[in-house]
N, C-alpha and C. Protein backbone atom coordinates (compact mmCIF):
# COMPACT_ATOMS: atom_id res chain seq x y z
N MET A 1 193.60 -2.67 119.92
CA MET A 1 192.69 -3.68 120.34
C MET A 1 191.78 -2.98 120.88
N ARG A 2 189.93 -3.77 120.62
CA ARG A 2 189.46 -3.39 120.66
C ARG A 2 188.18 -4.04 121.40
N LEU A 3 187.58 -3.68 122.43
CA LEU A 3 186.92 -4.13 122.81
C LEU A 3 185.31 -4.31 122.11
N THR A 4 184.78 -5.79 122.26
CA THR A 4 183.70 -6.13 121.60
C THR A 4 182.61 -4.83 122.28
N PRO A 5 181.13 -4.89 121.83
CA PRO A 5 179.94 -4.32 122.24
C PRO A 5 179.87 -4.73 123.98
N GLN A 6 179.54 -5.99 124.07
CA GLN A 6 179.62 -6.64 125.10
C GLN A 6 180.29 -6.71 125.60
N GLU A 7 181.81 -6.48 126.24
CA GLU A 7 182.88 -6.23 126.91
C GLU A 7 182.79 -4.67 127.20
N ARG A 8 182.41 -4.02 126.39
CA ARG A 8 182.16 -2.67 127.10
C ARG A 8 181.09 -2.63 127.65
N ILE A 9 180.27 -3.23 128.03
CA ILE A 9 179.01 -2.79 128.98
C ILE A 9 179.72 -3.13 130.71
N PRO A 10 179.64 -1.52 130.95
CA PRO A 10 179.97 -1.80 132.42
C PRO A 10 179.62 -2.62 133.46
N ALA A 11 178.11 -3.54 133.26
CA ALA A 11 177.98 -4.25 134.29
C ALA A 11 178.57 -5.60 133.75
N PHE A 12 178.94 -6.17 132.35
CA PHE A 12 179.93 -7.01 132.24
C PHE A 12 180.94 -7.32 132.82
N LEU A 13 182.07 -5.86 132.97
CA LEU A 13 183.55 -5.83 133.21
C LEU A 13 183.12 -6.19 134.70
N ILE A 14 181.86 -5.75 135.28
CA ILE A 14 182.35 -5.52 136.82
C ILE A 14 182.04 -7.18 137.46
N GLU A 15 180.78 -7.62 136.28
CA GLU A 15 180.41 -8.86 136.84
C GLU A 15 181.42 -10.17 136.74
N GLU A 16 182.47 -9.43 135.84
CA GLU A 16 183.48 -10.57 134.87
C GLU A 16 184.32 -10.29 136.15
N ARG A 17 184.47 -9.61 136.96
CA ARG A 17 185.86 -8.92 137.41
C ARG A 17 187.21 -8.14 136.60
N TYR A 18 186.46 -7.66 135.63
CA TYR A 18 187.52 -6.69 135.47
C TYR A 18 187.90 -5.44 135.69
N LEU A 19 186.29 -5.42 136.22
CA LEU A 19 186.81 -3.61 136.64
C LEU A 19 185.96 -3.90 138.66
N GLU A 20 186.79 -3.34 139.37
CA GLU A 20 186.62 -3.59 140.83
C GLU A 20 186.03 -2.30 141.30
N PRO A 21 185.50 -2.15 142.65
CA PRO A 21 184.84 -1.12 142.82
C PRO A 21 185.76 -0.58 143.73
N LEU A 22 186.14 0.62 144.23
CA LEU A 22 187.03 1.08 145.41
C LEU A 22 186.32 1.19 146.29
N ARG A 23 186.36 0.75 148.00
CA ARG A 23 185.48 0.89 148.74
C ARG A 23 186.24 1.76 149.97
N ASP A 24 185.22 2.70 150.48
CA ASP A 24 185.79 3.61 151.78
C ASP A 24 186.41 2.57 153.02
N PHE A 25 186.99 3.20 153.61
CA PHE A 25 187.61 1.99 154.74
C PHE A 25 188.72 3.26 156.11
N GLU A 26 188.73 2.48 156.76
CA GLU A 26 188.66 3.70 157.84
C GLU A 26 190.65 3.56 158.13
N HIS A 27 190.88 4.47 158.54
CA HIS A 27 192.79 5.00 158.65
C HIS A 27 193.17 5.86 159.48
N SER A 28 194.08 5.76 160.17
CA SER A 28 194.34 6.47 161.18
C SER A 28 193.24 7.19 162.23
N GLY A 29 192.12 6.29 162.59
CA GLY A 29 190.68 6.85 162.75
C GLY A 29 189.99 7.66 162.34
N ALA A 30 190.26 8.22 160.60
CA ALA A 30 189.23 8.71 160.03
C ALA A 30 188.66 7.92 158.87
N LYS A 31 187.90 8.34 158.47
CA LYS A 31 187.05 7.56 157.27
C LYS A 31 188.17 8.28 155.74
N VAL A 32 188.07 7.33 155.37
CA VAL A 32 188.65 7.62 153.60
C VAL A 32 187.75 7.12 152.32
N LEU A 33 187.38 8.27 152.16
CA LEU A 33 185.54 7.84 150.90
C LEU A 33 186.60 7.46 150.07
N ALA A 34 187.49 6.45 149.59
CA ALA A 34 188.29 5.38 148.54
C ALA A 34 186.94 5.38 147.32
N SER A 35 186.15 5.35 147.37
CA SER A 35 184.84 4.62 146.86
C SER A 35 184.30 6.08 145.94
N ARG A 36 184.75 7.21 146.25
CA ARG A 36 184.77 8.65 145.24
C ARG A 36 185.63 8.23 143.90
N LEU A 37 186.37 7.58 144.54
CA LEU A 37 186.81 7.15 142.68
C LEU A 37 186.51 6.70 141.95
N GLY A 38 185.23 5.98 142.01
CA GLY A 38 184.95 4.92 141.32
C GLY A 38 185.39 3.32 141.31
N TYR A 39 185.89 2.33 140.33
CA TYR A 39 185.99 1.83 139.74
C TYR A 39 187.49 1.79 138.69
N ARG A 40 188.44 0.43 139.43
CA ARG A 40 189.44 0.75 138.37
C ARG A 40 189.78 -0.60 137.82
N SER A 41 190.93 -0.75 136.68
CA SER A 41 191.11 -1.62 136.13
C SER A 41 191.54 -3.15 137.14
N THR A 42 191.48 -4.39 136.61
CA THR A 42 191.96 -5.56 137.94
C THR A 42 193.25 -5.78 136.65
N ALA A 43 193.95 -6.72 137.68
CA ALA A 43 194.91 -7.61 136.70
C ALA A 43 194.01 -8.41 135.64
N LYS A 44 193.33 -9.13 136.02
CA LYS A 44 192.42 -9.35 134.78
C LYS A 44 192.26 -9.16 133.40
N PHE A 45 191.57 -7.78 133.77
CA PHE A 45 191.49 -6.91 132.67
C PHE A 45 192.70 -6.56 132.14
N ALA A 46 194.00 -6.12 132.24
CA ALA A 46 195.38 -6.22 131.88
C ALA A 46 195.77 -8.00 131.26
N CYS A 47 195.37 -8.60 132.04
CA CYS A 47 195.71 -9.88 131.10
C CYS A 47 195.02 -10.44 129.98
N THR A 48 193.38 -10.25 130.20
CA THR A 48 192.72 -10.09 128.96
C THR A 48 192.39 -9.27 127.91
N PHE A 49 192.49 -8.15 128.05
CA PHE A 49 192.28 -7.57 126.78
C PHE A 49 193.81 -6.39 126.42
N LEU A 50 194.50 -6.41 127.42
CA LEU A 50 195.98 -6.11 127.04
C LEU A 50 197.26 -6.62 126.54
N SER A 51 196.71 -8.12 126.79
CA SER A 51 197.73 -9.29 126.24
C SER A 51 197.76 -8.92 124.56
N PRO A 52 197.31 -8.32 123.65
CA PRO A 52 197.49 -8.22 122.42
C PRO A 52 198.60 -7.16 122.17
N ILE A 53 198.57 -6.42 123.10
CA ILE A 53 199.40 -5.26 122.78
C ILE A 53 200.72 -5.37 123.81
N PHE A 54 200.66 -6.10 124.53
CA PHE A 54 201.82 -6.27 125.57
C PHE A 54 202.53 -7.84 125.73
N ASP A 55 203.41 -8.07 125.56
CA ASP A 55 203.87 -9.89 125.65
C ASP A 55 203.51 -10.32 126.91
N HIS A 56 204.00 -9.07 128.08
CA HIS A 56 203.93 -9.60 129.23
C HIS A 56 202.76 -8.30 129.92
N PRO A 57 201.62 -8.28 129.98
CA PRO A 57 200.83 -7.41 130.37
C PRO A 57 200.88 -7.33 132.20
N ALA A 58 201.27 -8.14 132.69
CA ALA A 58 201.32 -8.27 134.07
C ALA A 58 202.55 -7.98 134.83
N ARG A 59 203.68 -7.92 133.73
CA ARG A 59 204.85 -6.92 134.32
C ARG A 59 204.86 -5.34 134.12
N VAL A 60 203.62 -5.01 132.55
CA VAL A 60 203.71 -3.25 132.36
C VAL A 60 202.48 -2.92 133.95
N PHE A 61 201.59 -3.32 133.66
CA PHE A 61 200.92 -3.19 135.25
C PHE A 61 201.16 -4.44 136.33
N PRO A 62 201.81 -4.01 137.43
CA PRO A 62 202.00 -5.02 137.87
C PRO A 62 200.66 -4.72 138.97
N GLU A 63 201.09 -5.19 140.22
CA GLU A 63 200.08 -5.05 141.46
C GLU A 63 200.42 -4.00 141.64
N GLU A 64 200.88 -3.14 141.78
CA GLU A 64 201.57 -2.23 142.85
C GLU A 64 200.99 -0.63 141.80
N LEU A 65 201.33 -1.17 140.39
CA LEU A 65 200.72 -0.07 139.46
C LEU A 65 199.15 0.14 139.90
N LEU A 66 198.25 -1.15 139.46
CA LEU A 66 196.71 -1.18 139.92
C LEU A 66 196.18 -1.27 141.05
N ARG A 67 197.14 -1.30 141.90
CA ARG A 67 196.97 -0.98 143.39
C ARG A 67 198.10 -0.19 144.08
N PRO A 68 197.50 1.17 143.91
CA PRO A 68 198.59 2.17 144.13
C PRO A 68 198.76 2.56 145.79
N GLU A 69 197.99 1.72 146.90
CA GLU A 69 198.10 1.71 147.96
C GLU A 69 198.76 0.96 148.73
N ILE A 70 199.10 0.03 147.89
CA ILE A 70 200.34 -1.21 148.08
C ILE A 70 201.95 -0.07 148.00
N GLN A 71 202.17 0.68 147.30
CA GLN A 71 203.20 1.81 147.21
C GLN A 71 203.35 2.25 148.30
N ASP A 72 202.54 3.09 148.90
CA ASP A 72 202.49 4.55 149.86
C ASP A 72 201.35 4.32 150.47
N LEU A 73 200.54 3.83 151.42
CA LEU A 73 198.67 4.06 151.96
C LEU A 73 198.95 5.50 152.12
N ASP A 74 199.92 5.87 152.78
CA ASP A 74 199.39 7.39 153.88
C ASP A 74 199.31 8.48 152.15
N ALA A 75 200.26 8.35 151.29
CA ALA A 75 200.52 9.22 150.21
C ALA A 75 198.69 8.72 149.02
N PHE A 76 198.72 7.53 149.33
CA PHE A 76 197.23 7.04 148.41
C PHE A 76 196.16 8.02 149.40
N VAL A 77 196.30 7.54 150.60
CA VAL A 77 195.01 8.26 151.54
C VAL A 77 194.80 9.85 151.23
N ASP A 78 196.24 10.87 151.48
CA ASP A 78 196.30 11.71 151.26
C ASP A 78 195.81 12.75 149.63
N GLY A 79 196.38 11.52 148.65
CA GLY A 79 195.52 11.88 147.20
C GLY A 79 193.89 12.00 147.58
N ILE A 80 193.38 11.04 147.90
CA ILE A 80 192.33 11.24 147.98
C ILE A 80 191.31 11.97 148.52
N ARG A 81 191.67 12.30 149.85
CA ARG A 81 191.49 13.55 150.73
C ARG A 81 191.54 14.70 149.82
N ASN A 82 192.60 15.05 149.22
CA ASN A 82 192.65 16.05 148.17
C ASN A 82 191.23 15.98 147.07
N VAL A 83 190.87 14.87 146.70
CA VAL A 83 189.83 14.48 145.59
C VAL A 83 188.67 14.97 146.24
N VAL A 84 188.64 14.85 147.71
CA VAL A 84 187.07 15.02 148.42
C VAL A 84 186.68 16.31 148.75
N GLU A 85 188.41 16.88 149.02
CA GLU A 85 188.46 18.62 149.05
C GLU A 85 187.77 19.31 147.79
N ALA A 86 188.45 19.00 146.66
CA ALA A 86 188.32 19.80 145.65
C ALA A 86 186.70 19.28 145.40
N GLN A 87 186.52 18.22 145.35
CA GLN A 87 184.83 18.24 144.97
C GLN A 87 183.83 18.98 145.77
N GLN A 88 184.14 19.12 147.53
CA GLN A 88 183.56 19.86 148.09
C GLN A 88 183.64 21.54 147.80
N ARG A 89 184.36 21.79 147.61
CA ARG A 89 184.89 23.26 147.23
C ARG A 89 183.86 23.54 145.58
N VAL A 90 184.33 22.62 144.63
CA VAL A 90 183.19 23.17 143.40
C VAL A 90 182.44 23.02 143.78
N ALA A 91 181.60 21.92 144.48
CA ALA A 91 180.14 21.70 144.27
C ALA A 91 179.43 23.27 145.54
N TRP A 92 180.25 23.63 146.44
CA TRP A 92 179.83 24.73 146.92
C TRP A 92 179.60 25.95 146.75
N GLN A 93 180.21 25.88 144.92
CA GLN A 93 180.01 26.86 144.20
C GLN A 93 178.62 27.22 143.65
N TYR A 94 178.25 25.80 143.14
CA TYR A 94 176.51 25.74 142.60
C TYR A 94 175.50 26.65 144.33
N PHE A 95 176.09 26.19 145.03
CA PHE A 95 175.09 26.74 146.49
C PHE A 95 175.27 28.30 146.63
N GLU A 96 176.44 28.71 146.70
CA GLU A 96 176.63 30.21 146.06
C GLU A 96 176.42 31.19 145.85
N ASP A 97 176.06 30.38 144.42
CA ASP A 97 175.70 31.10 143.07
C ASP A 97 174.27 30.81 142.67
N GLN A 98 173.89 29.78 143.66
CA GLN A 98 172.54 29.76 143.54
C GLN A 98 171.89 28.71 141.93
N SER A 99 173.12 28.83 141.55
CA SER A 99 172.72 27.83 140.08
C SER A 99 172.87 25.95 140.23
N ILE A 100 172.77 25.68 141.69
CA ILE A 100 172.09 24.67 142.24
C ILE A 100 170.50 24.89 142.01
N GLU A 101 169.29 25.50 141.83
CA GLU A 101 168.43 25.57 141.81
C GLU A 101 167.85 24.81 140.32
N ASP A 102 168.50 25.28 139.25
CA ASP A 102 168.16 25.14 138.25
C ASP A 102 168.71 23.18 137.95
N ALA A 103 169.66 22.44 139.12
CA ALA A 103 169.81 21.55 138.66
C ALA A 103 169.01 20.41 138.49
N CYS A 104 169.23 19.17 137.70
CA CYS A 104 168.17 18.16 137.72
C CYS A 104 168.26 17.25 139.02
N PRO A 105 167.27 16.18 139.45
CA PRO A 105 167.49 15.55 140.98
C PRO A 105 168.34 14.92 141.18
N SER A 106 169.31 13.98 140.19
CA SER A 106 170.41 13.86 140.56
C SER A 106 171.45 14.13 140.88
N LEU A 107 171.97 15.46 139.75
CA LEU A 107 172.72 16.48 139.96
C LEU A 107 172.61 17.18 141.35
N LEU A 108 171.28 17.53 141.75
CA LEU A 108 171.06 17.48 142.91
C LEU A 108 171.78 17.29 143.83
N ALA A 109 171.37 15.92 144.06
CA ALA A 109 171.06 14.78 145.19
C ALA A 109 173.40 15.03 144.99
N LEU A 110 173.60 14.73 143.69
CA LEU A 110 175.68 14.55 143.77
C LEU A 110 176.17 15.91 144.30
N LEU A 111 175.93 16.57 143.79
CA LEU A 111 176.38 18.27 144.18
C LEU A 111 176.26 18.14 145.75
N SER A 112 174.77 17.84 146.53
CA SER A 112 174.43 17.76 147.77
C SER A 112 174.89 17.04 148.62
N ILE A 113 176.27 16.06 148.41
CA ILE A 113 176.27 14.68 148.90
C ILE A 113 177.72 15.25 148.42
N MET A 114 178.47 15.68 147.34
CA MET A 114 180.18 16.37 147.49
C MET A 114 180.07 17.55 148.33
N ALA A 115 179.49 18.14 148.40
CA ALA A 115 179.47 19.52 149.82
C ALA A 115 179.16 19.09 151.11
N ASN A 116 177.96 18.30 151.27
CA ASN A 116 177.88 18.40 152.89
C ASN A 116 178.16 16.75 153.07
N GLY A 117 178.10 16.04 151.93
CA GLY A 117 178.12 13.96 152.72
C GLY A 117 176.72 13.42 152.31
N THR A 118 175.90 14.19 152.20
CA THR A 118 174.95 13.41 152.24
C THR A 118 173.90 14.37 151.76
N PHE A 119 172.26 14.24 151.04
CA PHE A 119 171.48 14.49 150.47
C PHE A 119 170.26 13.53 151.47
N GLU A 120 169.37 15.02 152.04
CA GLU A 120 168.12 14.38 152.61
C GLU A 120 168.42 13.18 153.62
N GLY A 121 169.90 13.59 154.57
CA GLY A 121 170.24 12.17 155.43
C GLY A 121 170.73 11.01 154.72
N LYS A 122 170.45 10.87 153.54
CA LYS A 122 171.10 10.19 152.58
C LYS A 122 172.43 9.93 151.70
N GLY A 123 173.21 8.64 152.14
CA GLY A 123 174.77 8.99 151.59
C GLY A 123 174.32 7.80 149.59
N VAL A 124 175.50 8.60 149.05
CA VAL A 124 175.43 8.26 147.64
C VAL A 124 175.50 6.46 147.20
N HIS A 125 175.72 6.09 148.35
CA HIS A 125 175.60 4.67 148.11
C HIS A 125 174.52 3.58 148.29
N GLN A 126 173.33 4.46 148.95
CA GLN A 126 171.91 3.78 149.38
C GLN A 126 171.03 3.98 148.13
N PRO A 127 169.94 2.59 148.09
CA PRO A 127 169.17 2.71 146.78
C PRO A 127 168.43 4.12 146.51
N GLU A 128 168.17 4.68 147.73
CA GLU A 128 167.17 5.67 146.74
C GLU A 128 167.60 6.87 145.93
N ILE A 129 169.38 6.90 146.46
CA ILE A 129 170.09 7.93 145.60
C ILE A 129 170.59 7.25 144.41
N ARG A 130 170.83 6.08 144.41
CA ARG A 130 171.16 5.37 143.34
C ARG A 130 169.75 5.74 142.06
N ARG A 131 168.57 5.32 142.48
CA ARG A 131 167.33 5.28 141.66
C ARG A 131 167.53 6.29 140.87
N MET A 132 167.55 7.72 141.44
CA MET A 132 167.85 8.93 141.05
C MET A 132 168.29 8.98 139.54
N PHE A 133 169.42 8.24 139.62
CA PHE A 133 170.16 8.72 137.97
C PHE A 133 169.75 7.58 136.68
N THR A 134 168.16 7.00 137.10
CA THR A 134 167.98 6.49 136.33
C THR A 134 167.08 7.35 135.09
N LEU A 135 166.66 6.93 134.26
CA LEU A 135 165.65 7.71 132.97
C LEU A 135 164.12 7.84 133.65
N GLU A 136 164.22 6.63 134.05
CA GLU A 136 162.87 6.84 134.38
C GLU A 136 162.31 7.53 135.49
N TYR A 137 163.49 7.86 136.92
CA TYR A 137 163.27 8.42 137.58
C TYR A 137 163.11 10.14 137.48
N LEU A 138 164.06 10.56 136.28
CA LEU A 138 164.50 11.69 135.66
C LEU A 138 162.83 12.06 134.81
N LEU A 139 162.37 11.49 134.16
CA LEU A 139 161.51 11.57 133.29
C LEU A 139 159.86 11.80 133.81
N GLU A 140 159.59 11.25 135.26
CA GLU A 140 159.02 11.04 136.16
C GLU A 140 159.07 12.49 137.22
N SER A 141 160.13 13.25 137.14
CA SER A 141 160.42 14.06 138.22
C SER A 141 159.84 15.85 137.95
N ASP A 142 159.57 16.23 138.58
CA ASP A 142 158.73 17.97 138.55
C ASP A 142 159.57 18.50 138.08
N TRP A 143 161.01 18.27 137.80
CA TRP A 143 162.23 19.24 137.11
C TRP A 143 161.70 18.82 135.50
N TYR A 144 161.48 17.84 135.22
CA TYR A 144 161.34 17.60 134.05
C TYR A 144 159.63 17.97 133.35
N CYS A 145 158.92 18.13 134.02
CA CYS A 145 157.94 17.96 134.09
C CYS A 145 158.05 19.97 133.33
N LYS A 146 158.91 20.45 134.64
CA LYS A 146 158.58 22.11 134.47
C LYS A 146 159.17 22.58 132.88
N ARG A 147 160.59 21.79 132.13
CA ARG A 147 160.96 22.18 131.30
C ARG A 147 160.02 21.51 129.77
N LEU A 148 159.54 20.99 130.03
CA LEU A 148 158.13 20.40 129.27
C LEU A 148 157.10 21.43 129.27
N ILE A 149 156.74 21.80 130.15
CA ILE A 149 155.52 22.86 130.46
C ILE A 149 156.22 24.27 129.48
N ALA A 150 158.02 24.59 130.00
CA ALA A 150 158.43 25.56 129.44
C ALA A 150 158.38 25.45 127.74
N LYS A 151 158.75 24.25 127.34
CA LYS A 151 158.84 24.19 126.12
C LYS A 151 157.45 24.75 124.94
N GLU A 152 156.10 23.69 126.07
CA GLU A 152 155.36 24.23 125.43
C GLU A 152 154.82 25.68 125.49
N LYS A 153 155.07 26.38 126.16
CA LYS A 153 155.06 28.20 126.41
C LYS A 153 155.81 28.67 124.94
N SER A 154 156.81 28.47 125.52
CA SER A 154 157.69 28.78 124.36
C SER A 154 157.71 28.27 122.46
N ASP A 155 156.81 27.18 122.62
CA ASP A 155 156.79 27.35 121.13
C ASP A 155 155.18 27.51 120.88
N VAL A 156 154.30 27.75 121.77
CA VAL A 156 152.99 29.12 121.62
C VAL A 156 153.31 30.34 121.00
N MET A 157 154.67 30.57 122.06
CA MET A 157 155.16 31.92 121.53
C MET A 157 155.45 32.14 120.63
N LEU A 158 156.01 30.94 119.58
CA LEU A 158 156.90 30.94 118.93
C LEU A 158 155.79 31.26 117.51
N TRP A 159 154.88 30.27 117.74
CA TRP A 159 153.51 30.49 116.74
C TRP A 159 153.06 31.75 116.17
N GLN A 160 152.94 31.95 118.15
CA GLN A 160 152.07 32.96 117.72
C GLN A 160 153.06 34.74 116.97
N ARG A 161 154.71 34.55 117.03
CA ARG A 161 154.94 35.59 116.37
C ARG A 161 154.87 35.53 114.84
N HIS A 162 155.14 33.72 114.36
CA HIS A 162 155.05 33.48 113.35
C HIS A 162 153.64 34.01 112.70
N LEU A 163 152.93 33.93 113.36
CA LEU A 163 151.11 33.82 112.79
C LEU A 163 151.12 35.58 112.89
N ARG A 164 151.65 36.57 113.73
CA ARG A 164 151.67 37.78 113.46
C ARG A 164 152.39 38.48 112.29
N TYR A 165 153.52 38.08 112.23
CA TYR A 165 154.24 38.68 111.09
C TYR A 165 153.26 38.23 110.30
N VAL A 166 152.21 36.80 109.70
CA VAL A 166 152.38 36.68 108.26
C VAL A 166 151.39 37.60 108.08
N ASP A 167 150.18 37.69 109.67
CA ASP A 167 148.80 38.54 109.03
C ASP A 167 149.56 40.34 109.25
N GLU A 168 150.55 40.30 109.39
CA GLU A 168 151.06 41.74 109.23
C GLU A 168 151.26 42.35 107.74
N CYS A 169 152.24 40.88 107.10
CA CYS A 169 152.58 41.28 105.88
C CYS A 169 151.24 41.00 104.76
N LEU A 170 150.06 40.38 105.36
CA LEU A 170 148.74 40.37 104.47
C LEU A 170 148.37 41.59 104.63
N ALA A 171 148.22 42.22 105.50
CA ALA A 171 147.19 43.77 105.77
C ALA A 171 148.08 44.49 105.74
N ASN A 172 149.30 44.70 105.54
CA ASN A 172 150.02 45.90 105.84
C ASN A 172 151.08 45.65 104.16
N HIS A 173 151.81 44.35 103.42
CA HIS A 173 152.17 44.81 102.29
C HIS A 173 151.85 44.03 101.43
N ALA A 174 150.51 43.99 101.04
CA ALA A 174 150.18 42.85 100.30
C ALA A 174 150.66 42.71 98.97
N HIS A 175 150.89 44.09 98.33
CA HIS A 175 151.68 44.25 97.14
C HIS A 175 153.07 44.17 97.41
N MET A 176 153.39 43.49 98.05
CA MET A 176 155.01 43.27 98.04
C MET A 176 154.56 41.74 97.55
N TRP A 177 153.49 40.84 98.35
CA TRP A 177 153.26 39.58 97.79
C TRP A 177 152.30 39.12 96.67
N ALA A 178 151.83 40.47 95.91
CA ALA A 178 151.11 40.03 95.05
C ALA A 178 151.06 38.62 94.16
N GLU A 179 152.35 38.29 94.33
CA GLU A 179 152.93 37.09 93.20
C GLU A 179 152.88 35.83 93.90
N ASN A 180 152.86 36.14 94.99
CA ASN A 180 153.35 35.09 96.11
C ASN A 180 152.40 34.71 97.03
N SER A 181 150.88 35.15 97.07
CA SER A 181 150.03 35.61 97.80
C SER A 181 149.46 33.71 98.43
N ASP A 182 149.55 33.42 97.51
CA ASP A 182 149.27 31.73 97.95
C ASP A 182 150.18 31.26 98.85
N GLU A 183 151.23 31.31 98.41
CA GLU A 183 152.63 30.92 99.69
C GLU A 183 152.02 31.53 100.70
N LEU A 184 152.40 32.55 100.59
CA LEU A 184 151.75 33.34 101.98
C LEU A 184 150.40 32.81 102.99
N LEU A 185 149.47 32.54 102.35
CA LEU A 185 148.14 32.03 102.83
C LEU A 185 148.99 30.54 103.21
N ARG A 186 149.83 30.07 102.67
CA ARG A 186 149.96 28.65 103.54
C ARG A 186 150.67 28.99 104.66
N CYS A 187 151.50 29.87 104.15
CA CYS A 187 152.45 29.92 106.07
C CYS A 187 151.03 30.17 106.96
N ARG A 188 150.76 31.01 106.39
CA ARG A 188 149.60 31.26 107.63
C ARG A 188 148.86 30.05 107.88
N GLU A 189 148.78 28.98 107.35
CA GLU A 189 147.79 27.97 107.18
C GLU A 189 148.40 26.91 108.54
N ILE A 190 150.18 27.02 108.32
CA ILE A 190 150.81 26.47 108.81
C ILE A 190 150.80 26.56 110.44
N ALA A 191 150.75 28.13 110.05
CA ALA A 191 151.41 28.65 111.50
C ALA A 191 149.92 28.65 112.60
N VAL A 192 148.77 28.44 111.70
CA VAL A 192 147.67 28.27 112.73
C VAL A 192 147.46 26.84 112.97
N ALA A 193 148.05 26.41 112.54
CA ALA A 193 147.49 24.86 112.59
C ALA A 193 148.74 24.35 113.87
N GLU A 194 150.13 24.81 113.56
CA GLU A 194 150.94 24.47 114.91
C GLU A 194 150.73 24.92 115.95
N LEU A 195 150.17 26.38 115.72
CA LEU A 195 149.57 27.33 116.95
C LEU A 195 148.54 26.40 117.60
N GLU A 196 147.54 25.52 117.31
CA GLU A 196 146.33 24.71 117.80
C GLU A 196 147.46 23.85 118.55
N ARG A 197 148.44 23.00 117.80
CA ARG A 197 149.03 21.78 118.17
C ARG A 197 149.61 22.14 119.73
N ALA A 198 150.31 23.11 119.39
CA ALA A 198 151.24 23.53 120.80
C ALA A 198 149.84 23.91 121.89
N ARG A 199 148.99 24.26 121.68
CA ARG A 199 148.21 24.55 122.69
C ARG A 199 147.42 23.65 123.19
N SER A 200 147.28 22.01 122.18
CA SER A 200 146.80 21.38 122.74
C SER A 200 146.68 20.25 123.54
N SER A 201 145.62 19.87 124.76
CA SER A 201 146.15 19.19 125.72
C SER A 201 147.37 18.12 125.64
N ALA A 202 147.34 18.04 124.49
CA ALA A 202 147.94 16.52 124.08
C ALA A 202 149.35 17.04 123.98
N TYR A 203 150.12 18.27 123.87
CA TYR A 203 151.22 18.53 123.30
C TYR A 203 152.33 18.53 123.94
N LEU A 204 152.15 18.04 125.41
CA LEU A 204 152.90 17.52 126.32
C LEU A 204 153.49 16.20 125.96
N ASP A 205 152.39 15.41 125.75
CA ASP A 205 153.12 13.91 125.50
C ASP A 205 153.57 14.26 124.58
N VAL A 206 153.21 14.79 123.50
CA VAL A 206 154.19 15.16 122.08
C VAL A 206 155.67 14.71 122.76
N LEU A 207 155.98 16.16 123.76
CA LEU A 207 157.05 16.45 123.97
C LEU A 207 158.07 15.69 124.86
N ASN A 208 157.13 14.82 125.35
CA ASN A 208 157.87 13.85 126.45
C ASN A 208 158.63 12.60 125.94
N GLY A 209 159.88 13.18 126.70
CA GLY A 209 161.22 12.09 125.77
C GLY A 209 162.33 13.41 125.29
N THR A 210 161.46 14.62 125.03
CA THR A 210 162.57 15.79 124.49
C THR A 210 163.61 16.00 125.97
N LEU A 211 164.13 16.85 125.13
CA LEU A 211 165.17 17.75 126.33
C LEU A 211 164.21 18.48 127.03
N GLY A 212 163.09 19.01 126.61
CA GLY A 212 162.58 20.41 126.99
C GLY A 212 162.87 21.61 126.68
N LEU A 213 162.73 22.56 127.93
CA LEU A 213 163.75 23.56 127.73
C LEU A 213 163.87 24.61 129.25
N ASP A 214 165.37 25.05 129.43
CA ASP A 214 165.07 25.26 130.64
C ASP A 214 164.31 26.85 130.88
N PRO A 215 163.41 26.48 131.95
CA PRO A 215 162.17 27.71 132.60
C PRO A 215 162.28 29.28 132.40
N SER A 216 164.13 29.03 132.56
CA SER A 216 164.33 30.72 132.69
C SER A 216 164.38 31.39 131.32
N LEU A 217 164.54 30.56 130.16
CA LEU A 217 164.87 30.62 129.00
C LEU A 217 163.53 31.64 128.11
N VAL A 218 162.20 31.00 128.94
CA VAL A 218 160.67 31.44 128.71
C VAL A 218 160.68 32.84 129.03
N VAL A 219 161.25 33.26 130.21
CA VAL A 219 161.36 34.58 130.61
C VAL A 219 162.27 35.61 129.58
N SER A 220 163.54 35.00 129.04
CA SER A 220 164.03 35.92 128.48
C SER A 220 163.50 36.32 126.85
N THR A 221 163.29 34.87 126.83
CA THR A 221 162.72 35.17 125.25
C THR A 221 160.93 36.23 125.32
N SER A 222 160.40 36.26 126.15
CA SER A 222 159.36 36.61 126.16
C SER A 222 159.22 37.74 126.55
N GLY A 223 160.24 38.26 127.76
CA GLY A 223 159.77 39.53 128.31
C GLY A 223 159.09 39.74 129.32
N ASN A 224 158.32 38.49 129.06
CA ASN A 224 157.17 38.18 130.54
C ASN A 224 157.16 36.65 131.51
N PRO A 225 157.65 37.12 132.43
CA PRO A 225 156.90 35.35 133.48
C PRO A 225 156.29 34.74 132.84
N PRO A 226 156.66 33.10 132.67
CA PRO A 226 156.16 32.48 131.74
C PRO A 226 154.34 32.17 132.48
């Protein structure tokens, strides 16, 4: 059984009620963060997409299986709390070892919510937080700009090393390149051109849309702060 490209689009599955969100609820006077489980398959999904596999998908996937809270609400709540506690414990490790400082904006928000319940006073369902998970927000962030700048500096240093190596060969080992001097000069022209390109004001625009580079790697590869 294969879903068509259209049927694999999450928005389509949600709109047509093949997937349903789990929502937070109150139980025994305490809030249960069921939304941490995301979305789950519905009976409509089972009957529509699993019928080519099972003669009676509703019997294989009864309501009690699709909605385990029907079987035992207390056990369901306990399972969710175990998930939330595990997420909190893992998220705190990023703060303790300070690796949170390298997180992209959306991951920073997510880890903060996992650890503390909110990010800058906002919960995970608020529009301001949801917007952080879009490509547009990421590309406009200071975090991404720093990655592009780091990549630019790294490329400048790379072509500087290439140019120094070629110049050293021309100055000190010309006899070794006597038969291929034209090739060596061509390599130098390439290194000079690429170095000028990397140093140009337009180079950041060229890099826009790429992964960029972790700024900490510029320090480790150059031996000096960027």
